[in-house]
Amino acid sequence: IPGAGVDGVIHPPAVARVQLAGGLTDLAVVASNVGNAPALTGQVLRTGAMRWYQPLPAPAAGPPVVIGARAFVPLRDAVGTVYEFDLSTGARLGKIR
């Protein structure tokens, strides 16, 4: 899995099957904190190519949770925010505090 064993990746990635322009694609959804830059990435599992990147305002408090075509990421911030992302585009859809 791309990013496995890289410093800053402390939670196992989630794997999601999403509909992209080229058909169904398996993505590794990876929360990382490389160089104190928290982020969430979607990487094509078969090739390792990065599909999308989203910076996070705080490190992830746990691994991403995939439900359908969305990922939910708990943050290690003062209020326990959970961010919601669209898996096909990486767009941030909302947050829960």
PDB file of N, CA and C in Angstrom:
ATOM      1  N   ILE A   1       0.860  -1.180   0.000  1.00  0.00           N
ATOM      2  CA  ILE A   1       0.000   0.000   0.000  1.00  0.00           C
ATOM      3  C   ILE A   1       0.896   1.229   0.000  1.00  0.00           C
ATOM      4  N   PRO A   2       0.650   2.181  -0.897  1.00  0.00           N
ATOM      5  CA  PRO A   2       1.453   3.390  -0.937  1.00  0.00           C
ATOM      6  C   PRO A   2       1.399   4.110   0.401  1.00  0.00           C
ATOM      7  N   GLY A   3       2.537   4.571   0.875  1.00  0.00           N
ATOM      8  CA  GLY A   3       2.590   5.319   2.118  1.00  0.00           C
ATOM      9  C   GLY A   3       2.779   4.442   3.344  1.00  0.00           C
ATOM     10  N   ALA A   4       2.617   3.123   3.224  1.00  0.00           N
ATOM     11  CA  ALA A   4       2.792   2.253   4.368  1.00  0.00           C
ATOM     12  C   ALA A   4       4.254   2.293   4.799  1.00  0.00           C
ATOM     13  N   GLY A   5       4.464   2.462   6.082  1.00  0.00           N
ATOM     14  CA  GLY A   5       5.811   2.503   6.607  1.00  0.00           C
ATOM     15  C   GLY A   5       6.479   3.859   6.491  1.00  0.00           C
ATOM     16  N   VAL A   6       5.821   4.822   5.904  1.00  0.00           N
ATOM     17  CA  VAL A   6       6.381   6.162   5.779  1.00  0.00           C
ATOM     18  C   VAL A   6       6.166   6.899   7.082  1.00  0.00           C
ATOM     19  N   ASP A   7       7.191   7.613   7.561  1.00  0.00           N
ATOM     20  CA  ASP A   7       7.032   8.404   8.779  1.00  0.00           C
ATOM     21  C   ASP A   7       5.846   9.337   8.631  1.00  0.00           C
ATOM     22  N   GLY A   8       5.042   9.423   9.680  1.00  0.00           N
ATOM     23  CA  GLY A   8       3.893  10.310   9.647  1.00  0.00           C
ATOM     24  C   GLY A   8       2.591   9.600   9.327  1.00  0.00           C
ATOM     25  N   VAL A   9       2.644   8.342   8.868  1.00  0.00           N
ATOM     26  CA  VAL A   9       1.431   7.563   8.632  1.00  0.00           C
ATOM     27  C   VAL A   9       1.306   6.602   9.807  1.00  0.00           C
ATOM     28  N   ILE A  10       0.411   6.933  10.759  1.00  0.00           N
ATOM     29  CA  ILE A  10       0.344   6.148  11.987  1.00  0.00           C
ATOM     30  C   ILE A  10      -0.893   5.268  12.080  1.00  0.00           C
ATOM     31  N   HIS A  11      -1.887   5.497  11.233  1.00  0.00           N
ATOM     32  CA  HIS A  11      -3.103   4.692  11.235  1.00  0.00           C
ATOM     33  C   HIS A  11      -3.168   3.904   9.926  1.00  0.00           C
ATOM     34  N   PRO A  12      -3.705   2.706   9.982  1.00  0.00           N
ATOM     35  CA  PRO A  12      -3.819   1.950   8.729  1.00  0.00           C
ATOM     36  C   PRO A  12      -4.765   2.660   7.767  1.00  0.00           C
ATOM     37  N   PRO A  13      -4.473   2.627   6.484  1.00  0.00           N
ATOM     38  CA  PRO A  13      -5.381   3.261   5.522  1.00  0.00           C
ATOM     39  C   PRO A  13      -6.678   2.486   5.408  1.00  0.00           C
ATOM     40  N   ALA A  14      -7.720   3.193   5.038  1.00  0.00           N
ATOM     41  CA  ALA A  14      -8.988   2.545   4.710  1.00  0.00           C
ATOM     42  C   ALA A  14      -8.960   2.259   3.212  1.00  0.00           C
ATOM     43  N   VAL A  15      -9.641   1.226   2.792  1.00  0.00           N
ATOM     44  CA  VAL A  15      -9.736   0.926   1.365  1.00  0.00           C
ATOM     45  C   VAL A  15     -11.190   1.095   0.954  1.00  0.00           C
ATOM     46  N   ALA A  16     -11.393   1.821  -0.138  1.00  0.00           N
ATOM     47  CA  ALA A  16     -12.746   2.102  -0.616  1.00  0.00           C
ATOM     48  C   ALA A  16     -12.820   1.859  -2.114  1.00  0.00           C
ATOM     49  N   ARG A  17     -13.923   1.310  -2.560  1.00  0.00           N
ATOM     50  CA  ARG A  17     -14.173   1.143  -3.995  1.00  0.00           C
ATOM     51  C   ARG A  17     -15.093   2.279  -4.418  1.00  0.00           C
ATOM     52  N   VAL A  18     -14.605   3.125  -5.339  1.00  0.00           N
ATOM     53  CA  VAL A  18     -15.377   4.293  -5.773  1.00  0.00           C
ATOM     54  C   VAL A  18     -15.527   4.301  -7.284  1.00  0.00           C
ATOM     55  N   GLN A  19     -16.584   4.944  -7.741  1.00  0.00           N
ATOM     56  CA  GLN A  19     -16.836   5.084  -9.175  1.00  0.00           C
ATOM     57  C   GLN A  19     -16.102   6.320  -9.680  1.00  0.00           C
ATOM     58  N   LEU A  20     -15.130   6.120 -10.559  1.00  0.00           N
ATOM     59  CA  LEU A  20     -14.399   7.210 -11.196  1.00  0.00           C
ATOM     60  C   LEU A  20     -14.705   7.170 -12.686  1.00  0.00           C
ATOM     61  N   ALA A  21     -14.186   8.117 -13.429  1.00  0.00           N
ATOM     62  CA  ALA A  21     -14.445   8.179 -14.865  1.00  0.00           C
ATOM     63  C   ALA A  21     -14.052   6.886 -15.578  1.00  0.00           C
ATOM     64  N   GLY A  22     -13.003   6.227 -15.114  1.00  0.00           N
ATOM     65  CA  GLY A  22     -12.538   4.992 -15.745  1.00  0.00           C
ATOM     66  C   GLY A  22     -13.206   3.736 -15.217  1.00  0.00           C
ATOM     67  N   GLY A  23     -14.188   3.882 -14.341  1.00  0.00           N
ATOM     68  CA  GLY A  23     -14.880   2.729 -13.770  1.00  0.00           C
ATOM     69  C   GLY A  23     -14.626   2.595 -12.284  1.00  0.00           C
ATOM     70  N   LEU A  24     -15.026   1.464 -11.725  1.00  0.00           N
ATOM     71  CA  LEU A  24     -14.808   1.228 -10.300  1.00  0.00           C
ATOM     72  C   LEU A  24     -13.319   1.129 -10.008  1.00  0.00           C
ATOM     73  N   THR A  25     -12.889   1.837  -8.983  1.00  0.00           N
ATOM     74  CA  THR A  25     -11.471   1.909  -8.635  1.00  0.00           C
ATOM     75  C   THR A  25     -11.320   1.764  -7.130  1.00  0.00           C
ATOM     76  N   ASP A  26     -10.335   0.969  -6.707  1.00  0.00           N
ATOM     77  CA  ASP A  26     -10.041   0.836  -5.283  1.00  0.00           C
ATOM     78  C   ASP A  26      -9.061   1.928  -4.874  1.00  0.00           C
ATOM     79  N   LEU A  27      -9.433   2.681  -3.834  1.00  0.00           N
ATOM     80  CA  LEU A  27      -8.580   3.741  -3.308  1.00  0.00           C
ATOM     81  C   LEU A  27      -8.111   3.391  -1.912  1.00  0.00           C
ATOM     82  N   ALA A  28      -6.854   3.716  -1.616  1.00  0.00           N
ATOM     83  CA  ALA A  28      -6.357   3.710  -0.241  1.00  0.00           C
ATOM     84  C   ALA A  28      -6.576   5.124   0.277  1.00  0.00           C
ATOM     85  N   VAL A  29      -7.290   5.252   1.390  1.00  0.00           N
ATOM     86  CA  VAL A  29      -7.567   6.557   1.991  1.00  0.00           C
ATOM     87  C   VAL A  29      -6.633   6.667   3.194  1.00  0.00           C
ATOM     88  N   VAL A  30      -5.632   7.560   3.078  1.00  0.00           N
ATOM     89  CA  VAL A  30      -4.527   7.601   4.025  1.00  0.00           C
ATOM     90  C   VAL A  30      -4.509   8.921   4.782  1.00  0.00           C
ATOM     91  N   ALA A  31      -4.574   8.832   6.115  1.00  0.00           N
ATOM     92  CA  ALA A  31      -4.389  10.008   6.969  1.00  0.00           C
ATOM     93  C   ALA A  31      -2.923  10.030   7.380  1.00  0.00           C
ATOM     94  N   SER A  32      -2.288  11.193   7.232  1.00  0.00           N
ATOM     95  CA  SER A  32      -0.862  11.295   7.556  1.00  0.00           C
ATOM     96  C   SER A  32      -0.570  12.615   8.261  1.00  0.00           C
ATOM     97  N   ASN A  33       0.634  12.673   8.804  1.00  0.00           N
ATOM     98  CA  ASN A  33       1.111  13.898   9.434  1.00  0.00           C
ATOM     99  C   ASN A  33       2.611  14.036   9.155  1.00  0.00           C
ATOM    100  N   VAL A  34       2.960  13.980   7.887  1.00  0.00           N
ATOM    101  CA  VAL A  34       4.361  14.049   7.469  1.00  0.00           C
ATOM    102  C   VAL A  34       4.848  15.490   7.590  1.00  0.00           C
ATOM    103  N   GLY A  35       5.935  15.692   8.313  1.00  0.00           N
ATOM    104  CA  GLY A  35       6.488  17.038   8.479  1.00  0.00           C
ATOM    105  C   GLY A  35       5.531  17.977   9.196  1.00  0.00           C
ATOM    106  N   ASN A  36       4.730  17.446  10.117  1.00  0.00           N
ATOM    107  CA  ASN A  36       3.729  18.239  10.848  1.00  0.00           C
ATOM    108  C   ASN A  36       2.751  18.930   9.915  1.00  0.00           C
ATOM    109  N   ALA A  37       2.446  18.297   8.779  1.00  0.00           N
ATOM    110  CA  ALA A  37       1.448  18.796   7.833  1.00  0.00           C
ATOM    111  C   ALA A  37       0.351  17.742   7.725  1.00  0.00           C
ATOM    112  N   PRO A  38      -0.646  17.774   8.634  1.00  0.00           N
ATOM    113  CA  PRO A  38      -1.705  16.766   8.594  1.00  0.00           C
ATOM    114  C   PRO A  38      -2.473  16.810   7.275  1.00  0.00           C
ATOM    115  N   ALA A  39      -2.780  15.625   6.750  1.00  0.00           N
ATOM    116  CA  ALA A  39      -3.467  15.568   5.457  1.00  0.00           C
ATOM    117  C   ALA A  39      -4.198  14.243   5.310  1.00  0.00           C
ATOM    118  N   LEU A  40      -5.104  14.228   4.332  1.00  0.00           N
ATOM    119  CA  LEU A  40      -5.802  13.019   3.922  1.00  0.00           C
ATOM    120  C   LEU A  40      -5.595  12.886   2.425  1.00  0.00           C
ATOM    121  N   THR A  41      -5.216  11.696   1.972  1.00  0.00           N
ATOM    122  CA  THR A  41      -5.018  11.478   0.544  1.00  0.00           C
ATOM    123  C   THR A  41      -5.806  10.272   0.078  1.00  0.00           C
ATOM    124  N   GLY A  42      -6.181  10.303  -1.190  1.00  0.00           N
ATOM    125  CA  GLY A  42      -6.785   9.162  -1.861  1.00  0.00           C
ATOM    126  C   GLY A  42      -5.811   8.691  -2.916  1.00  0.00           C
ATOM    127  N   GLN A  43      -5.353   7.438  -2.801  1.00  0.00           N
ATOM    128  CA  GLN A  43      -4.366   6.906  -3.728  1.00  0.00           C
ATOM    129  C   GLN A  43      -4.926   5.655  -4.394  1.00  0.00           C
ATOM    130  N   VAL A  44      -4.738   5.565  -5.698  1.00  0.00           N
ATOM    131  CA  VAL A  44      -5.209   4.394  -6.440  1.00  0.00           C
ATOM    132  C   VAL A  44      -4.430   3.185  -5.935  1.00  0.00           C
ATOM    133  N   LEU A  45      -5.145   2.216  -5.413  1.00  0.00           N
ATOM    134  CA  LEU A  45      -4.511   1.069  -4.777  1.00  0.00           C
ATOM    135  C   LEU A  45      -3.639   0.283  -5.754  1.00  0.00           C
ATOM    136  N   ARG A  46      -4.084   0.109  -6.969  1.00  0.00           N
ATOM    137  CA  ARG A  46      -3.362  -0.703  -7.960  1.00  0.00           C
ATOM    138  C   ARG A  46      -2.041  -0.080  -8.391  1.00  0.00           C
ATOM    139  N   THR A  47      -2.006   1.264  -8.523  1.00  0.00           N
ATOM    140  CA  THR A  47      -0.814   1.920  -9.057  1.00  0.00           C
ATOM    141  C   THR A  47      -0.061   2.779  -8.047  1.00  0.00           C
ATOM    142  N   GLY A  48      -0.731   3.173  -6.969  1.00  0.00           N
ATOM    143  CA  GLY A  48      -0.112   4.077  -6.002  1.00  0.00           C
ATOM    144  C   GLY A  48      -0.239   5.539  -6.392  1.00  0.00           C
ATOM    145  N   ALA A  49      -0.844   5.824  -7.547  1.00  0.00           N
ATOM    146  CA  ALA A  49      -0.986   7.211  -7.993  1.00  0.00           C
ATOM    147  C   ALA A  49      -1.915   7.985  -7.051  1.00  0.00           C
ATOM    148  N   MET A  50      -1.506   9.205  -6.701  1.00  0.00           N
ATOM    149  CA  MET A  50      -2.339  10.034  -5.853  1.00  0.00           C
ATOM    150  C   MET A  50      -3.502  10.580  -6.668  1.00  0.00           C
ATOM    151  N   ARG A  51      -4.700  10.336  -6.219  1.00  0.00           N
ATOM    152  CA  ARG A  51      -5.920  10.819  -6.894  1.00  0.00           C
ATOM    153  C   ARG A  51      -6.303  12.198  -6.382  1.00  0.00           C
ATOM    154  N   TRP A  52      -6.171  12.403  -5.059  1.00  0.00           N
ATOM    155  CA  TRP A  52      -6.472  13.707  -4.457  1.00  0.00           C
ATOM    156  C   TRP A  52      -5.738  13.865  -3.126  1.00  0.00           C
ATOM    157  N   TYR A  53      -5.649  15.117  -2.689  1.00  0.00           N
ATOM    158  CA  TYR A  53      -4.950  15.490  -1.452  1.00  0.00           C
ATOM    159  C   TYR A  53      -5.765  16.561  -0.759  1.00  0.00           C
ATOM    160  N   GLN A  54      -5.987  16.424   0.528  1.00  0.00           N
ATOM    161  CA  GLN A  54      -6.677  17.445   1.310  1.00  0.00           C
ATOM    162  C   GLN A  54      -5.896  17.699   2.593  1.00  0.00           C
ATOM    163  N   PRO A  55      -5.458  18.946   2.824  1.00  0.00           N
ATOM    164  CA  PRO A  55      -4.824  19.256   4.107  1.00  0.00           C
ATOM    165  C   PRO A  55      -5.874  19.199   5.222  1.00  0.00           C
ATOM    166  N   LEU A  56      -5.431  18.852   6.419  1.00  0.00           N
ATOM    167  CA  LEU A  56      -6.298  18.825   7.587  1.00  0.00           C
ATOM    168  C   LEU A  56      -5.827  19.881   8.587  1.00  0.00           C
ATOM    169  N   PRO A  57      -6.743  20.492   9.361  1.00  0.00           N
ATOM    170  CA  PRO A  57      -6.344  21.510  10.322  1.00  0.00           C
ATOM    171  C   PRO A  57      -5.668  20.946  11.566  1.00  0.00           C
ATOM    172  N   ALA A  58      -5.758  19.631  11.783  1.00  0.00           N
ATOM    173  CA  ALA A  58      -5.126  18.965  12.923  1.00  0.00           C
ATOM    174  C   ALA A  58      -4.882  17.510  12.526  1.00  0.00           C
ATOM    175  N   PRO A  59      -3.974  16.834  13.219  1.00  0.00           N
ATOM    176  CA  PRO A  59      -3.730  15.421  12.897  1.00  0.00           C
ATOM    177  C   PRO A  59      -4.972  14.566  13.127  1.00  0.00           C
ATOM    178  N   ALA A  60      -5.048  13.462  12.404  1.00  0.00           N
ATOM    179  CA  ALA A  60      -6.149  12.516  12.583  1.00  0.00           C
ATOM    180  C   ALA A  60      -6.012  11.828  13.938  1.00  0.00           C
ATOM    181  N   ALA A  61      -7.149  11.637  14.602  1.00  0.00           N
ATOM    182  CA  ALA A  61      -7.166  10.959  15.898  1.00  0.00           C
ATOM    183  C   ALA A  61      -7.351   9.452  15.730  1.00  0.00           C
ATOM    184  N   GLY A  62      -7.592   9.017  14.505  1.00  0.00           N
ATOM    185  CA  GLY A  62      -7.790   7.603  14.206  1.00  0.00           C
ATOM    186  C   GLY A  62      -7.833   7.422  12.711  1.00  0.00           C
ATOM    187  N   PRO A  63      -7.999   6.197  12.260  1.00  0.00           N
ATOM    188  CA  PRO A  63      -8.041   5.957  10.811  1.00  0.00           C
ATOM    189  C   PRO A  63      -9.326   6.498  10.199  1.00  0.00           C
ATOM    190  N   PRO A  64      -9.308   6.799   8.896  1.00  0.00           N
ATOM    191  CA  PRO A  64     -10.533   7.216   8.215  1.00  0.00           C
ATOM    192  C   PRO A  64     -11.570   6.093   8.267  1.00  0.00           C
ATOM    193  N   VAL A  65     -12.825   6.485   8.361  1.00  0.00           N
ATOM    194  CA  VAL A  65     -13.931   5.527   8.339  1.00  0.00           C
ATOM    195  C   VAL A  65     -14.674   5.737   7.028  1.00  0.00           C
ATOM    196  N   VAL A  66     -14.802   4.677   6.233  1.00  0.00           N
ATOM    197  CA  VAL A  66     -15.467   4.757   4.932  1.00  0.00           C
ATOM    198  C   VAL A  66     -16.892   4.239   5.066  1.00  0.00           C
ATOM    199  N   ILE A  67     -17.835   5.060   4.621  1.00  0.00           N
ATOM    200  CA  ILE A  67     -19.242   4.666   4.549  1.00  0.00           C
ATOM    201  C   ILE A  67     -19.732   5.076   3.165  1.00  0.00           C
ATOM    202  N   GLY A  68     -20.008   4.082   2.335  1.00  0.00           N
ATOM    203  CA  GLY A  68     -20.429   4.368   0.971  1.00  0.00           C
ATOM    204  C   GLY A  68     -19.331   5.085   0.214  1.00  0.00           C
ATOM    205  N   ALA A  69     -19.649   6.234  -0.372  1.00  0.00           N
ATOM    206  CA  ALA A  69     -18.688   7.012  -1.164  1.00  0.00           C
ATOM    207  C   ALA A  69     -18.108   8.173  -0.360  1.00  0.00           C
ATOM    208  N   ARG A  70     -18.148   8.059   0.968  1.00  0.00           N
ATOM    209  CA  ARG A  70     -17.638   9.146   1.819  1.00  0.00           C
ATOM    210  C   ARG A  70     -16.680   8.601   2.862  1.00  0.00           C
ATOM    211  N   ALA A  71     -15.759   9.466   3.281  1.00  0.00           N
ATOM    212  CA  ALA A  71     -14.843   9.128   4.366  1.00  0.00           C
ATOM    213  C   ALA A  71     -15.056  10.123   5.489  1.00  0.00           C
ATOM    214  N   PHE A  72     -14.986   9.628   6.711  1.00  0.00           N
ATOM    215  CA  PHE A  72     -15.106  10.461   7.903  1.00  0.00           C
ATOM    216  C   PHE A  72     -13.798  10.332   8.669  1.00  0.00           C
ATOM    217  N   VAL A  73     -13.206  11.498   9.019  1.00  0.00           N
ATOM    218  CA  VAL A  73     -11.899  11.503   9.666  1.00  0.00           C
ATOM    219  C   VAL A  73     -11.992  12.261  10.982  1.00  0.00           C
ATOM    220  N   PRO A  74     -11.758  11.571  12.119  1.00  0.00           N
ATOM    221  CA  PRO A  74     -11.747  12.260  13.401  1.00  0.00           C
ATOM    222  C   PRO A  74     -10.432  13.011  13.566  1.00  0.00           C
ATOM    223  N   LEU A  75     -10.514  14.218  14.087  1.00  0.00           N
ATOM    224  CA  LEU A  75      -9.307  15.024  14.278  1.00  0.00           C
ATOM    225  C   LEU A  75      -8.917  15.095  15.747  1.00  0.00           C
ATOM    226  N   ARG A  76      -7.640  15.240  15.976  1.00  0.00           N
ATOM    227  CA  ARG A  76      -7.112  15.418  17.316  1.00  0.00           C
ATOM    228  C   ARG A  76      -7.057  16.920  17.595  1.00  0.00           C
ATOM    229  N   ASP A  77      -8.244  17.531  17.736  1.00  0.00           N
ATOM    230  CA  ASP A  77      -8.310  18.951  18.073  1.00  0.00           C
ATOM    231  C   ASP A  77      -9.062  19.104  19.392  1.00  0.00           C
ATOM    232  N   ALA A  78      -9.242  20.315  19.853  1.00  0.00           N
ATOM    233  CA  ALA A  78      -9.822  20.572  21.171  1.00  0.00           C
ATOM    234  C   ALA A  78     -11.270  20.115  21.306  1.00  0.00           C
ATOM    235  N   VAL A  79     -12.023  20.050  20.204  1.00  0.00           N
ATOM    236  CA  VAL A  79     -13.444  19.712  20.282  1.00  0.00           C
ATOM    237  C   VAL A  79     -13.795  18.366  19.643  1.00  0.00           C
ATOM    238  N   GLY A  80     -12.815  17.634  19.116  1.00  0.00           N
ATOM    239  CA  GLY A  80     -13.086  16.328  18.524  1.00  0.00           C
ATOM    240  C   GLY A  80     -13.835  16.403  17.205  1.00  0.00           C
ATOM    241  N   THR A  81     -13.436  17.316  16.354  1.00  0.00           N
ATOM    242  CA  THR A  81     -14.087  17.509  15.060  1.00  0.00           C
ATOM    243  C   THR A  81     -13.947  16.272  14.177  1.00  0.00           C
ATOM    244  N   VAL A  82     -14.989  15.962  13.413  1.00  0.00           N
ATOM    245  CA  VAL A  82     -14.950  14.893  12.415  1.00  0.00           C
ATOM    246  C   VAL A  82     -15.242  15.544  11.064  1.00  0.00           C
ATOM    247  N   TYR A  83     -14.317  15.382  10.108  1.00  0.00           N
ATOM    248  CA  TYR A  83     -14.500  15.930   8.763  1.00  0.00           C
ATOM    249  C   TYR A  83     -15.054  14.862   7.838  1.00  0.00           C
ATOM    250  N   GLU A  84     -15.889  15.288   6.878  1.00  0.00           N
ATOM    251  CA  GLU A  84     -16.500  14.394   5.896  1.00  0.00           C
ATOM    252  C   GLU A  84     -15.961  14.738   4.510  1.00  0.00           C
ATOM    253  N   PHE A  85     -15.551  13.711   3.752  1.00  0.00           N
ATOM    254  CA  PHE A  85     -14.966  13.895   2.432  1.00  0.00           C
ATOM    255  C   PHE A  85     -15.664  13.027   1.401  1.00  0.00           C
ATOM    256  N   ASP A  86     -15.780  13.534   0.168  1.00  0.00           N
ATOM    257  CA  ASP A  86     -16.249  12.757  -0.973  1.00  0.00           C
ATOM    258  C   ASP A  86     -15.048  11.956  -1.478  1.00  0.00           C
ATOM    259  N   LEU A  87     -15.195  10.641  -1.579  1.00  0.00           N
ATOM    260  CA  LEU A  87     -14.055   9.800  -1.957  1.00  0.00           C
ATOM    261  C   LEU A  87     -13.676   9.897  -3.423  1.00  0.00           C
ATOM    262  N   SER A  88     -14.603  10.228  -4.312  1.00  0.00           N
ATOM    263  CA  SER A  88     -14.242  10.288  -5.725  1.00  0.00           C
ATOM    264  C   SER A  88     -13.475  11.558  -6.077  1.00  0.00           C
ATOM    265  N   THR A  89     -13.735  12.653  -5.365  1.00  0.00           N
ATOM    266  CA  THR A  89     -13.076  13.924  -5.685  1.00  0.00           C
ATOM    267  C   THR A  89     -12.132  14.417  -4.594  1.00  0.00           C
ATOM    268  N   GLY A  90     -12.312  13.925  -3.371  1.00  0.00           N
ATOM    269  CA  GLY A  90     -11.531  14.422  -2.245  1.00  0.00           C
ATOM    270  C   GLY A  90     -12.104  15.690  -1.649  1.00  0.00           C
ATOM    271  N   ALA A  91     -13.216  16.187  -2.181  1.00  0.00           N
ATOM    272  CA  ALA A  91     -13.807  17.439  -1.693  1.00  0.00           C
ATOM    273  C   ALA A  91     -14.262  17.283  -0.247  1.00  0.00           C
ATOM    274  N   ARG A  92     -13.995  18.314   0.548  1.00  0.00           N
ATOM    275  CA  ARG A  92     -14.466  18.338   1.935  1.00  0.00           C
ATOM    276  C   ARG A  92     -15.932  18.722   1.905  1.00  0.00           C
ATOM    277  N   LEU A  93     -16.803  17.860   2.421  1.00  0.00           N
ATOM    278  CA  LEU A  93     -18.239  18.083   2.365  1.00  0.00           C
ATOM    279  C   LEU A  93     -18.806  18.758   3.604  1.00  0.00           C
ATOM    280  N   GLY A  94     -18.146  18.563   4.726  1.00  0.00           N
ATOM    281  CA  GLY A  94     -18.662  19.169   5.953  1.00  0.00           C
ATOM    282  C   GLY A  94     -17.867  18.717   7.145  1.00  0.00           C
ATOM    283  N   LYS A  95     -18.341  19.153   8.319  1.00  0.00           N
ATOM    284  CA  LYS A  95     -17.688  18.751   9.560  1.00  0.00           C
ATOM    285  C   LYS A  95     -18.714  18.678  10.673  1.00  0.00           C
ATOM    286  N   ILE A  96     -18.420  17.863  11.647  1.00  0.00           N
ATOM    287  CA  ILE A  96     -19.253  17.686  12.827  1.00  0.00           C
ATOM    288  C   ILE A  96     -18.387  18.026  14.031  1.00  0.00           C
ATOM    289  N   ARG A  97     -18.918  18.849  14.917  1.00  0.00           N
ATOM    290  CA  ARG A  97     -18.173  19.189  16.140  1.00  0.00           C
ATOM    291  C   ARG A  97     -18.886  18.653  17.339  1.00  0.00           C
TER     292      ARG A  97
END
